């Protein structure tokens, strides 16, 4: 699908919004849920554009972040969670920052593979 400049700019706004909401989730956890909802609602709109890789990156950031956060909280009683939770936080910050930088540079996150 070919996107004109206006369409790309509109889609880029949504992609920025999701990164902002993900970053704000460190303060107000609920914004991560809003971000993932936007990802799923707008995914068909970005299909075929270079921003599709960002949407997939954002979804994986959310779901793996949620998984590891839950595992971290569940393992606090055996002290493992005290190691897992800071590592998840660093990983999330990295994912959000890397995605944002690539978006600003107009780059895909990675080359998409079939079924990804």
N, C-alpha and C. Protein backbone atom coordinates (compact mmCIF):
# COMPACT_ATOMS: atom_id res chain seq x y z
N UNK A 1 0.84 -1.18 0.00
CA UNK A 1 0.00 0.00 0.00
C UNK A 1 0.89 1.24 0.00
N UNK A 2 0.51 2.22 -0.78
CA UNK A 2 1.26 3.47 -0.88
C UNK A 2 0.57 4.52 0.00
N UNK A 3 1.35 5.18 0.83
CA UNK A 3 0.83 6.20 1.72
C UNK A 3 1.38 7.55 1.29
N UNK A 4 0.49 8.54 1.17
CA UNK A 4 0.99 9.88 0.85
C UNK A 4 1.53 10.52 2.14
N UNK A 5 2.14 11.67 1.98
CA UNK A 5 2.79 12.34 3.12
C UNK A 5 1.81 12.66 4.24
N UNK A 6 0.62 13.11 3.90
CA UNK A 6 -0.38 13.45 4.91
C UNK A 6 -0.80 12.21 5.70
N UNK A 7 -0.99 11.09 5.00
CA UNK A 7 -1.36 9.85 5.68
C UNK A 7 -0.24 9.39 6.62
N UNK A 8 1.00 9.49 6.14
CA UNK A 8 2.13 9.07 6.96
C UNK A 8 2.24 9.93 8.21
N UNK A 9 2.03 11.22 8.06
CA UNK A 9 2.11 12.11 9.22
C UNK A 9 1.02 11.79 10.24
N UNK A 10 -0.18 11.47 9.76
CA UNK A 10 -1.28 11.11 10.65
C UNK A 10 -0.96 9.82 11.41
N UNK A 11 -0.46 8.84 10.69
CA UNK A 11 -0.10 7.57 11.33
C UNK A 11 1.06 7.74 12.31
N UNK A 12 1.97 8.63 11.95
CA UNK A 12 3.11 8.89 12.83
C UNK A 12 2.65 9.49 14.16
N UNK A 13 1.60 10.31 14.12
CA UNK A 13 1.05 10.88 15.36
C UNK A 13 0.56 9.78 16.30
N UNK A 14 -0.11 8.79 15.75
CA UNK A 14 -0.58 7.68 16.58
C UNK A 14 0.59 6.89 17.16
N UNK A 15 1.61 6.72 16.35
CA UNK A 15 2.78 5.96 16.80
C UNK A 15 3.49 6.71 17.93
N UNK A 16 3.64 8.02 17.78
CA UNK A 16 4.20 8.84 18.86
C UNK A 16 3.33 8.75 20.11
N UNK A 17 2.02 8.84 19.93
CA UNK A 17 1.10 8.81 21.06
C UNK A 17 1.27 7.52 21.87
N UNK A 18 1.44 6.42 21.18
CA UNK A 18 1.60 5.14 21.89
C UNK A 18 2.90 5.14 22.69
N UNK A 19 3.99 5.64 22.09
CA UNK A 19 5.25 5.69 22.85
C UNK A 19 5.10 6.61 24.07
N UNK A 20 4.42 7.72 23.91
CA UNK A 20 4.21 8.64 25.05
C UNK A 20 3.39 7.96 26.13
N UNK A 21 2.31 7.29 25.73
CA UNK A 21 1.47 6.59 26.71
C UNK A 21 2.24 5.48 27.41
N UNK A 22 3.08 4.78 26.67
CA UNK A 22 3.89 3.74 27.30
C UNK A 22 4.84 4.36 28.33
N UNK A 23 5.46 5.47 27.98
CA UNK A 23 6.37 6.12 28.92
C UNK A 23 5.63 6.63 30.15
N UNK A 24 4.44 7.19 29.94
CA UNK A 24 3.66 7.70 31.07
C UNK A 24 3.18 6.58 31.99
N UNK A 25 3.20 5.36 31.51
CA UNK A 25 2.73 4.25 32.34
C UNK A 25 3.61 4.03 33.57
N UNK A 26 4.82 4.56 33.56
CA UNK A 26 5.67 4.46 34.75
C UNK A 26 5.09 5.29 35.89
N UNK A 27 4.28 6.30 35.53
CA UNK A 27 3.67 7.17 36.53
C UNK A 27 2.21 6.78 36.78
N UNK A 28 1.50 6.49 35.69
CA UNK A 28 0.06 6.21 35.79
C UNK A 28 -0.26 4.92 35.06
N UNK A 29 0.12 3.79 35.53
CA UNK A 29 0.00 2.49 34.89
C UNK A 29 -1.10 2.31 33.84
N UNK A 30 -2.22 2.99 34.00
CA UNK A 30 -3.36 2.80 33.10
C UNK A 30 -3.06 3.24 31.67
N UNK A 31 -2.11 4.13 31.46
CA UNK A 31 -1.84 4.61 30.11
C UNK A 31 -1.28 3.52 29.21
N UNK A 32 -0.65 2.51 29.79
CA UNK A 32 -0.16 1.39 28.99
C UNK A 32 -1.32 0.63 28.38
N UNK A 33 -2.42 0.54 29.10
CA UNK A 33 -3.61 -0.14 28.58
C UNK A 33 -4.21 0.67 27.43
N UNK A 34 -4.27 1.99 27.59
CA UNK A 34 -4.75 2.84 26.51
C UNK A 34 -3.87 2.68 25.28
N UNK A 35 -2.56 2.61 25.49
CA UNK A 35 -1.61 2.46 24.38
C UNK A 35 -1.84 1.16 23.62
N UNK A 36 -2.03 0.05 24.33
CA UNK A 36 -2.22 -1.23 23.64
C UNK A 36 -3.55 -1.26 22.91
N UNK A 37 -4.55 -0.61 23.45
CA UNK A 37 -5.85 -0.52 22.76
C UNK A 37 -5.69 0.24 21.45
N UNK A 38 -4.98 1.36 21.49
CA UNK A 38 -4.71 2.12 20.26
C UNK A 38 -3.96 1.26 19.25
N UNK A 39 -2.97 0.50 19.73
CA UNK A 39 -2.21 -0.40 18.84
C UNK A 39 -3.14 -1.34 18.09
N UNK A 40 -4.05 -1.94 18.78
CA UNK A 40 -4.93 -2.92 18.13
C UNK A 40 -5.98 -2.24 17.24
N UNK A 41 -6.47 -1.09 17.65
CA UNK A 41 -7.47 -0.39 16.84
C UNK A 41 -6.87 0.14 15.54
N UNK A 42 -5.68 0.70 15.61
CA UNK A 42 -5.06 1.36 14.45
C UNK A 42 -4.11 0.46 13.66
N UNK A 43 -3.96 -0.80 14.07
CA UNK A 43 -2.98 -1.65 13.38
C UNK A 43 -3.29 -1.82 11.89
N UNK A 44 -4.53 -1.99 11.53
CA UNK A 44 -4.86 -2.15 10.11
C UNK A 44 -4.52 -0.90 9.31
N UNK A 45 -4.60 0.27 9.95
CA UNK A 45 -4.28 1.52 9.25
C UNK A 45 -2.80 1.64 8.92
N UNK A 46 -1.94 1.06 9.74
CA UNK A 46 -0.50 1.16 9.49
C UNK A 46 0.04 -0.01 8.68
N UNK A 47 -0.80 -1.02 8.45
CA UNK A 47 -0.35 -2.20 7.71
C UNK A 47 0.22 -1.78 6.35
N UNK A 48 1.41 -2.24 6.07
CA UNK A 48 2.07 -1.93 4.80
C UNK A 48 2.95 -0.69 4.86
N UNK A 49 2.89 0.05 5.95
CA UNK A 49 3.76 1.23 6.08
C UNK A 49 4.97 0.85 6.94
N UNK A 50 5.98 1.70 6.94
CA UNK A 50 7.16 1.43 7.74
C UNK A 50 6.85 1.52 9.23
N UNK A 51 5.72 2.14 9.57
CA UNK A 51 5.35 2.26 10.98
C UNK A 51 4.72 0.99 11.54
N UNK A 52 4.38 0.05 10.67
CA UNK A 52 3.82 -1.22 11.15
C UNK A 52 4.81 -1.91 12.09
N UNK A 53 6.09 -1.82 11.78
CA UNK A 53 7.09 -2.45 12.64
C UNK A 53 7.09 -1.80 14.03
N UNK A 54 6.82 -0.51 14.09
CA UNK A 54 6.74 0.17 15.39
C UNK A 54 5.55 -0.35 16.19
N UNK A 55 4.42 -0.54 15.51
CA UNK A 55 3.25 -1.06 16.21
C UNK A 55 3.52 -2.45 16.76
N UNK A 56 4.20 -3.28 15.99
CA UNK A 56 4.53 -4.62 16.48
C UNK A 56 5.52 -4.54 17.65
N UNK A 57 6.48 -3.64 17.53
CA UNK A 57 7.46 -3.42 18.60
C UNK A 57 6.74 -2.98 19.88
N UNK A 58 5.79 -2.06 19.73
CA UNK A 58 5.05 -1.56 20.89
C UNK A 58 4.20 -2.66 21.53
N UNK A 59 3.57 -3.48 20.71
CA UNK A 59 2.77 -4.58 21.26
C UNK A 59 3.64 -5.56 22.04
N UNK A 60 4.78 -5.91 21.45
CA UNK A 60 5.68 -6.86 22.13
C UNK A 60 6.22 -6.24 23.43
N UNK A 61 6.49 -4.95 23.40
CA UNK A 61 6.95 -4.26 24.60
C UNK A 61 5.90 -4.38 25.69
N UNK A 62 4.64 -4.13 25.35
CA UNK A 62 3.57 -4.20 26.34
C UNK A 62 3.41 -5.61 26.89
N UNK A 63 3.24 -6.60 26.00
CA UNK A 63 2.92 -7.96 26.46
C UNK A 63 4.07 -8.61 27.22
N UNK A 64 5.30 -8.45 26.73
CA UNK A 64 6.42 -9.03 27.45
C UNK A 64 6.70 -8.26 28.75
N UNK A 65 6.50 -6.95 28.72
CA UNK A 65 6.64 -6.16 29.94
C UNK A 65 5.63 -6.58 30.99
N UNK A 66 4.39 -6.81 30.56
CA UNK A 66 3.35 -7.27 31.49
C UNK A 66 3.71 -8.65 32.05
N UNK A 67 4.10 -9.56 31.17
CA UNK A 67 4.47 -10.91 31.60
C UNK A 67 5.57 -10.87 32.66
N UNK A 68 6.67 -10.18 32.36
CA UNK A 68 7.79 -10.15 33.29
C UNK A 68 7.50 -9.38 34.56
N UNK A 69 6.64 -8.36 34.45
CA UNK A 69 6.24 -7.63 35.65
C UNK A 69 5.43 -8.52 36.58
N UNK A 70 4.48 -9.25 36.02
CA UNK A 70 3.68 -10.18 36.83
C UNK A 70 4.58 -11.24 37.46
N UNK A 71 5.48 -11.81 36.68
CA UNK A 71 6.41 -12.80 37.23
C UNK A 71 7.29 -12.19 38.33
N UNK A 72 7.70 -10.94 38.12
CA UNK A 72 8.50 -10.26 39.13
C UNK A 72 7.74 -10.08 40.43
N UNK A 73 6.49 -9.64 40.32
CA UNK A 73 5.68 -9.45 41.53
C UNK A 73 5.39 -10.79 42.23
N UNK A 74 5.15 -11.82 41.44
CA UNK A 74 4.86 -13.13 42.03
C UNK A 74 6.08 -13.73 42.72
N UNK A 75 7.26 -13.35 42.30
CA UNK A 75 8.48 -13.94 42.88
C UNK A 75 9.12 -13.06 43.96
N UNK A 76 8.46 -11.98 44.33
CA UNK A 76 8.98 -11.16 45.44
C UNK A 76 9.12 -11.97 46.72
N UNK A 77 8.16 -12.84 47.07
CA UNK A 77 8.31 -13.60 48.32
C UNK A 77 9.56 -14.48 48.36
N UNK A 78 10.05 -14.89 47.21
CA UNK A 78 11.29 -15.69 47.22
C UNK A 78 12.49 -14.84 46.80
N UNK A 79 12.31 -13.53 46.84
CA UNK A 79 13.36 -12.53 46.62
C UNK A 79 13.79 -12.36 45.17
N UNK A 80 13.42 -13.25 44.29
CA UNK A 80 13.81 -13.15 42.88
C UNK A 80 13.19 -11.91 42.24
N UNK A 81 11.98 -11.58 42.67
CA UNK A 81 11.29 -10.42 42.12
C UNK A 81 12.06 -9.12 42.29
N UNK A 82 12.85 -9.04 43.36
CA UNK A 82 13.65 -7.83 43.59
C UNK A 82 14.74 -7.65 42.55
N UNK A 83 15.08 -8.71 41.85
CA UNK A 83 16.02 -8.62 40.74
C UNK A 83 15.26 -8.44 39.42
N UNK A 84 14.16 -9.16 39.27
CA UNK A 84 13.40 -9.14 38.01
C UNK A 84 12.79 -7.77 37.75
N UNK A 85 12.16 -7.18 38.74
CA UNK A 85 11.44 -5.91 38.52
C UNK A 85 12.34 -4.76 38.06
N UNK A 86 13.50 -4.54 38.66
CA UNK A 86 14.38 -3.49 38.12
C UNK A 86 14.86 -3.78 36.69
N UNK A 87 15.13 -5.06 36.41
CA UNK A 87 15.56 -5.41 35.06
C UNK A 87 14.44 -5.16 34.04
N UNK A 88 13.20 -5.47 34.41
CA UNK A 88 12.07 -5.21 33.52
C UNK A 88 11.93 -3.72 33.28
N UNK A 89 12.11 -2.93 34.31
CA UNK A 89 12.01 -1.47 34.18
C UNK A 89 13.07 -0.95 33.21
N UNK A 90 14.29 -1.40 33.36
CA UNK A 90 15.36 -0.98 32.45
C UNK A 90 15.05 -1.42 31.02
N UNK A 91 14.57 -2.64 30.86
CA UNK A 91 14.23 -3.17 29.54
C UNK A 91 13.11 -2.34 28.90
N UNK A 92 12.09 -1.98 29.68
CA UNK A 92 10.99 -1.17 29.15
C UNK A 92 11.48 0.21 28.72
N UNK A 93 12.31 0.83 29.54
CA UNK A 93 12.86 2.15 29.19
C UNK A 93 13.65 2.06 27.89
N UNK A 94 14.45 1.02 27.76
CA UNK A 94 15.23 0.81 26.54
C UNK A 94 14.31 0.66 25.33
N UNK A 95 13.28 -0.18 25.44
CA UNK A 95 12.38 -0.42 24.31
C UNK A 95 11.66 0.85 23.88
N UNK A 96 11.19 1.61 24.85
CA UNK A 96 10.47 2.85 24.53
C UNK A 96 11.43 3.86 23.90
N UNK A 97 12.61 4.03 24.48
CA UNK A 97 13.59 4.99 23.96
C UNK A 97 14.07 4.59 22.56
N UNK A 98 14.37 3.33 22.37
CA UNK A 98 14.86 2.88 21.06
C UNK A 98 13.78 3.07 20.00
N UNK A 99 12.56 2.71 20.33
CA UNK A 99 11.46 2.89 19.38
C UNK A 99 11.26 4.34 19.02
N UNK A 100 11.27 5.20 20.03
CA UNK A 100 11.07 6.64 19.81
C UNK A 100 12.17 7.19 18.90
N UNK A 101 13.41 6.84 19.17
CA UNK A 101 14.53 7.33 18.37
C UNK A 101 14.40 6.87 16.92
N UNK A 102 14.06 5.61 16.72
CA UNK A 102 13.89 5.11 15.35
C UNK A 102 12.73 5.80 14.65
N UNK A 103 11.67 6.08 15.37
CA UNK A 103 10.53 6.79 14.78
C UNK A 103 10.93 8.19 14.35
N UNK A 104 11.65 8.90 15.21
CA UNK A 104 12.12 10.25 14.87
C UNK A 104 13.01 10.21 13.63
N UNK A 105 13.83 9.16 13.52
CA UNK A 105 14.73 9.01 12.38
C UNK A 105 14.03 8.46 11.14
N UNK A 106 12.76 8.10 11.27
CA UNK A 106 12.01 7.57 10.13
C UNK A 106 12.41 6.16 9.74
N UNK A 107 12.88 5.39 10.72
CA UNK A 107 13.36 4.03 10.46
C UNK A 107 12.39 2.98 11.00
N UNK A 108 12.36 1.84 10.34
CA UNK A 108 11.64 0.69 10.87
C UNK A 108 12.37 0.17 12.09
N UNK A 109 11.65 -0.56 12.90
CA UNK A 109 12.29 -1.16 14.09
C UNK A 109 13.16 -2.34 13.69
N UNK A 110 12.75 -3.11 12.76
CA UNK A 110 13.47 -4.28 12.30
C UNK A 110 12.81 -4.72 11.01
N UNK A 111 13.45 -5.59 10.30
CA UNK A 111 12.82 -6.11 9.08
C UNK A 111 11.80 -7.14 9.50
N UNK A 112 10.58 -6.96 9.07
CA UNK A 112 9.52 -7.86 9.47
C UNK A 112 9.67 -9.20 8.76
N UNK A 113 9.32 -10.22 9.48
CA UNK A 113 9.38 -11.57 8.94
C UNK A 113 7.96 -12.08 8.80
N UNK A 114 7.78 -13.01 7.92
CA UNK A 114 6.44 -13.59 7.71
C UNK A 114 5.94 -14.15 9.04
N UNK A 115 4.69 -13.83 9.35
CA UNK A 115 4.07 -14.34 10.56
C UNK A 115 4.40 -13.56 11.81
N UNK A 116 5.18 -12.51 11.69
CA UNK A 116 5.57 -11.72 12.86
C UNK A 116 4.51 -10.71 13.20
